[in-house]
Amino acid sequence: MSYGFLDVAITPAVRATQKQLGVDGMWESFRGQRDFDRFTEQEALFITDRDSFYMATTSETGWPYVQHRGGPQGFLKLVDDQTLAFADYRGNFQYISIGNLSVNDKVCLFLMDYPRRTRLKIYAHAEAVSLDADPALTAAVLNGARGRVERIVRLRLQNFDWNCPQHIVPRYTDVQLEEGLRPIRDRLAALETENAALRAQVANPV
C-alpha cells in the first residue's frame, strides 16, 4: 500500500533533494500506511468546522497562485467521503483561480485551525460547475450562502494528510476571543457588584 499524499508530493526532484540532504530513507517506514484517499469522521468534523481555507492552483506558464477563501462555518461542504464543494462568489473579476483550473485541475488546499495549531492539507482535482448543471449539488452548497454566486467548485479528493503543529502560531477570531473572555468578564462583573455592595456598607454602616 502507498502513503497517498507523499506519493503525490515526493517527485523525482524531491527525492533527489532528500538524498542529497541525507533523509531519503526517512519516509520509507511510512510504507504500508493507508492511502488517505477517503475522508473519515475526523476529517469531516474538522472540515465542517472551518470558516476559511487556502487553495493553490497553477497556470499554464507554471506559476502557482494561492487564494484565500472564507465564509460562514461549514461553507466548504463535505459532499461525500471523496468530494468537497464550495460556492464561487463574484469578486474582483480577475478569475485567476478559475482560469488556472481551465488548464490544470490539480489543486492543493490548506485548512487551518490556528487555536489548536492543526493543519489539514488536501490534494484534489477541481472543476467549475455551473449553477444549473447539478441542482442537488447547488442546493446543498448554497444553503445559507450570501452574495452573488457565479458557480460551484467541486473538488474530488486525491489524497490528504495532517501536518504537525510546529511553527503554527495560534490566532483567534473575535468569536473565539469572546467565548474565552466571557468567564473572565462575568467574574469581573460579579466582583464589581460585590465591591459596590461593600462600599455601600462602609459608607452607610448600620
Protein backbone atom coordinates (compact mmCIF):
# COMPACT_ATOMS: atom_id res chain seq x y z
CA MET A 1 0.00 0.00 0.00
CA SER A 2 1.19 3.53 -0.74
CA TYR A 3 1.30 6.52 1.57
CA GLY A 4 -1.07 8.63 -0.50
CA PHE A 5 -0.23 12.29 -0.05
CA LEU A 6 3.53 11.76 -0.12
CA ASP A 7 3.24 9.61 -3.24
CA VAL A 8 1.99 12.74 -4.98
CA ALA A 9 4.22 15.27 -3.21
CA ILE A 10 7.53 13.37 -3.42
CA THR A 11 8.55 13.71 -7.05
CA PRO A 12 11.90 12.57 -8.50
CA ALA A 13 13.28 16.08 -7.88
CA VAL A 14 12.10 15.99 -4.26
CA ARG A 15 13.57 12.52 -3.77
CA ALA A 16 16.89 13.68 -5.24
CA THR A 17 16.92 16.58 -2.80
CA GLN A 18 16.13 14.24 0.09
CA LYS A 19 19.03 12.01 -0.96
CA GLN A 20 21.37 14.98 -1.20
CA LEU A 21 20.39 16.04 2.32
CA GLY A 22 20.68 12.51 3.73
CA VAL A 23 16.99 11.97 4.58
CA ASP A 24 15.92 9.86 1.59
CA GLY A 25 15.29 6.79 3.78
CA MET A 26 13.36 8.70 6.44
CA TRP A 27 9.92 8.21 4.85
CA GLU A 28 10.31 4.60 3.80
CA SER A 29 8.94 3.49 7.18
CA PHE A 30 5.62 5.08 6.23
CA ARG A 31 5.05 2.49 3.52
CA GLY A 32 2.11 0.26 4.31
CA GLN A 33 0.05 3.08 5.78
CA ARG A 34 -3.40 3.83 4.43
CA ASP A 35 -3.83 5.81 1.26
CA PHE A 36 -5.57 8.79 2.90
CA ASP A 37 -7.90 8.84 -0.09
CA ARG A 38 -11.20 8.96 1.79
CA PHE A 39 -12.30 11.40 4.46
CA THR A 40 -13.12 9.81 7.81
CA GLU A 41 -15.27 11.23 10.60
CA GLN A 42 -12.20 13.02 11.95
CA GLU A 43 -11.65 14.94 8.72
CA ALA A 44 -15.39 15.53 8.27
CA LEU A 45 -15.67 17.23 11.66
CA PHE A 46 -12.57 19.32 11.01
CA ILE A 47 -13.72 20.44 7.55
CA THR A 48 -17.25 21.40 8.59
CA ASP A 49 -15.86 23.48 11.46
CA ARG A 50 -13.71 25.67 9.21
CA ASP A 51 -14.60 29.20 8.13
CA SER A 52 -11.69 29.62 5.71
CA PHE A 53 -9.06 27.79 3.71
CA TYR A 54 -6.26 28.43 1.21
CA MET A 55 -6.30 26.98 -2.31
CA ALA A 56 -3.31 26.75 -4.65
CA THR A 57 -3.67 26.45 -8.42
CA THR A 58 -1.09 26.52 -11.22
CA SER A 59 -1.22 28.38 -14.54
CA GLU A 60 -0.16 27.06 -17.95
CA THR A 61 3.04 29.09 -17.54
CA GLY A 62 3.90 27.13 -14.40
CA TRP A 63 3.33 29.95 -11.90
CA PRO A 64 1.40 28.98 -8.73
CA TYR A 65 -1.37 31.12 -7.29
CA VAL A 66 -2.71 30.88 -3.74
CA GLN A 67 -6.16 32.22 -2.93
CA HIS A 68 -7.81 32.61 0.45
CA ARG A 69 -11.44 31.54 0.68
CA GLY A 70 -13.66 32.49 3.61
CA GLY A 71 -17.28 32.22 4.68
CA PRO A 72 -19.54 31.01 7.46
CA GLN A 73 -18.54 27.85 9.27
CA GLY A 74 -19.19 24.87 7.02
CA PHE A 75 -19.20 26.81 3.74
CA LEU A 76 -16.78 24.19 2.42
CA LYS A 77 -19.27 21.36 2.03
CA LEU A 78 -18.42 17.70 2.51
CA VAL A 79 -20.50 16.10 -0.26
CA ASP A 80 -19.27 12.56 0.40
CA ASP A 81 -16.12 10.87 1.66
CA GLN A 82 -14.22 11.80 -1.51
CA THR A 83 -15.85 15.05 -2.59
CA LEU A 84 -15.90 18.67 -1.37
CA ALA A 85 -17.61 21.70 -2.88
CA PHE A 86 -17.93 25.42 -2.27
CA ALA A 87 -19.69 28.41 -3.80
CA ASP A 88 -17.57 30.66 -6.01
CA TYR A 89 -18.70 34.25 -5.40
CA ARG A 90 -18.32 37.20 -7.72
CA GLY A 91 -15.25 39.11 -6.64
CA ASN A 92 -12.71 41.39 -8.29
CA PHE A 93 -13.21 39.94 -11.79
CA GLN A 94 -9.63 38.65 -12.09
CA TYR A 95 -10.70 34.96 -12.24
CA ILE A 96 -7.15 33.74 -11.73
CA SER A 97 -8.06 30.52 -9.90
CA ILE A 98 -10.90 29.69 -12.30
CA GLY A 99 -8.67 30.44 -15.28
CA ASN A 100 -5.94 28.20 -13.91
CA LEU A 101 -8.44 25.39 -13.36
CA SER A 102 -9.43 25.53 -17.02
CA VAL A 103 -5.94 24.30 -17.98
CA ASN A 104 -4.88 22.39 -14.85
CA ASP A 105 -7.45 20.88 -12.50
CA LYS A 106 -4.94 19.97 -9.78
CA VAL A 107 -5.25 21.96 -6.55
CA CYS A 108 -3.86 21.86 -3.04
CA LEU A 109 -5.91 23.06 -0.07
CA PHE A 110 -4.65 24.08 3.36
CA LEU A 111 -7.27 24.10 6.12
CA MET A 112 -6.06 25.77 9.30
CA ASP A 113 -7.17 25.56 12.92
CA TYR A 114 -4.92 28.21 14.43
CA PRO A 115 -6.04 27.96 18.08
CA ARG A 116 -5.39 24.20 18.13
CA ARG A 117 -2.35 24.52 15.84
CA THR A 118 -3.72 21.93 13.42
CA ARG A 119 -3.46 21.84 9.64
CA LEU A 120 -5.14 19.57 7.09
CA LYS A 121 -3.65 19.59 3.58
CA ILE A 122 -5.58 18.18 0.65
CA TYR A 123 -4.69 17.28 -2.92
CA ALA A 124 -7.72 17.29 -5.21
CA HIS A 125 -8.96 17.65 -8.77
CA ALA A 126 -11.21 20.71 -9.09
CA GLU A 127 -13.87 21.58 -11.62
CA ALA A 128 -16.11 24.58 -12.09
CA VAL A 129 -19.77 23.53 -12.19
CA SER A 130 -22.48 25.87 -13.48
CA LEU A 131 -25.34 26.50 -11.07
CA ASP A 132 -27.87 24.68 -13.24
CA ALA A 133 -25.67 21.67 -14.10
CA ASP A 134 -26.26 19.80 -10.83
CA PRO A 135 -29.32 21.18 -8.98
CA ALA A 136 -28.85 18.90 -5.95
CA LEU A 137 -25.22 19.96 -5.52
CA THR A 138 -26.10 23.63 -5.99
CA ALA A 139 -28.88 23.43 -3.41
CA ALA A 140 -26.59 21.78 -0.87
CA VAL A 141 -23.76 24.26 -1.37
CA LEU A 142 -25.94 27.38 -1.50
CA ASN A 143 -27.72 26.52 1.74
CA GLY A 144 -27.08 29.66 3.81
CA ALA A 145 -24.88 31.28 1.14
CA ARG A 146 -24.82 35.05 0.88
CA GLY A 147 -23.69 37.19 -2.03
CA ARG A 148 -23.58 36.76 -5.80
CA VAL A 149 -22.63 33.13 -6.53
CA GLU A 150 -21.37 32.53 -10.07
CA ARG A 151 -20.60 28.82 -9.96
CA ILE A 152 -19.86 25.84 -7.76
CA VAL A 153 -16.33 24.48 -7.44
CA ARG A 154 -16.34 20.72 -6.91
CA LEU A 155 -13.23 19.05 -5.52
CA ARG A 156 -12.61 15.34 -5.98
CA LEU A 157 -10.14 14.07 -3.40
CA GLN A 158 -6.80 12.68 -4.49
CA ASN A 159 -5.15 12.38 -1.06
CA PHE A 160 -4.89 14.28 2.22
CA ASP A 161 -2.56 14.44 5.18
CA TRP A 162 -2.27 16.12 8.57
CA ASN A 163 0.66 18.37 9.46
CA CYS A 164 2.49 18.62 12.75
CA PRO A 165 1.80 21.78 14.82
CA GLN A 166 5.37 23.05 14.62
CA HIS A 167 5.60 26.74 13.66
CA ILE A 168 1.80 27.25 13.57
CA VAL A 169 1.23 30.46 15.54
CA PRO A 170 -2.12 30.40 17.42
CA ARG A 171 -4.60 33.04 16.26
CA TYR A 172 -8.16 33.64 17.41
CA THR A 173 -11.28 35.05 15.80
CA ASP A 174 -13.48 37.64 17.52
CA VAL A 175 -16.00 34.90 18.34
CA GLN A 176 -13.32 32.66 19.86
CA LEU A 177 -11.93 35.55 21.90
CA GLU A 178 -15.40 36.43 23.13
CA GLU A 179 -16.03 32.85 24.22
CA GLY A 180 -12.68 32.69 26.02
CA LEU A 181 -13.10 36.06 27.75
CA ARG A 182 -16.73 35.56 28.79
CA PRO A 183 -15.94 33.78 32.11
CA ILE A 184 -13.42 36.49 32.99
CA ARG A 185 -15.90 39.26 32.18
CA ASP A 186 -18.63 37.51 34.17
CA ARG A 187 -16.27 37.20 37.12
CA LEU A 188 -15.28 40.88 36.87
CA ALA A 189 -18.93 41.91 36.78
CA ALA A 190 -19.64 39.82 39.89
CA LEU A 191 -16.65 41.35 41.71
CA GLU A 192 -17.71 44.87 40.75
CA THR A 193 -21.20 44.20 42.11
CA GLU A 194 -19.69 42.79 45.31
CA ASN A 195 -17.34 45.78 45.68
CA ALA A 196 -20.20 48.21 45.16
CA ALA A 197 -22.19 46.47 47.91
CA LEU A 198 -19.20 46.57 50.28
CA ARG A 199 -18.59 50.26 49.60
CA ALA A 200 -22.23 50.95 50.32
CA GLN A 201 -21.93 49.13 53.64
CA VAL A 202 -18.83 51.15 54.58
CA ALA A 203 -20.48 54.44 53.62
CA ASN A 204 -23.70 53.61 55.46
CA PRO A 205 -22.81 51.46 58.48
CA VAL A 206 -25.76 50.03 60.38
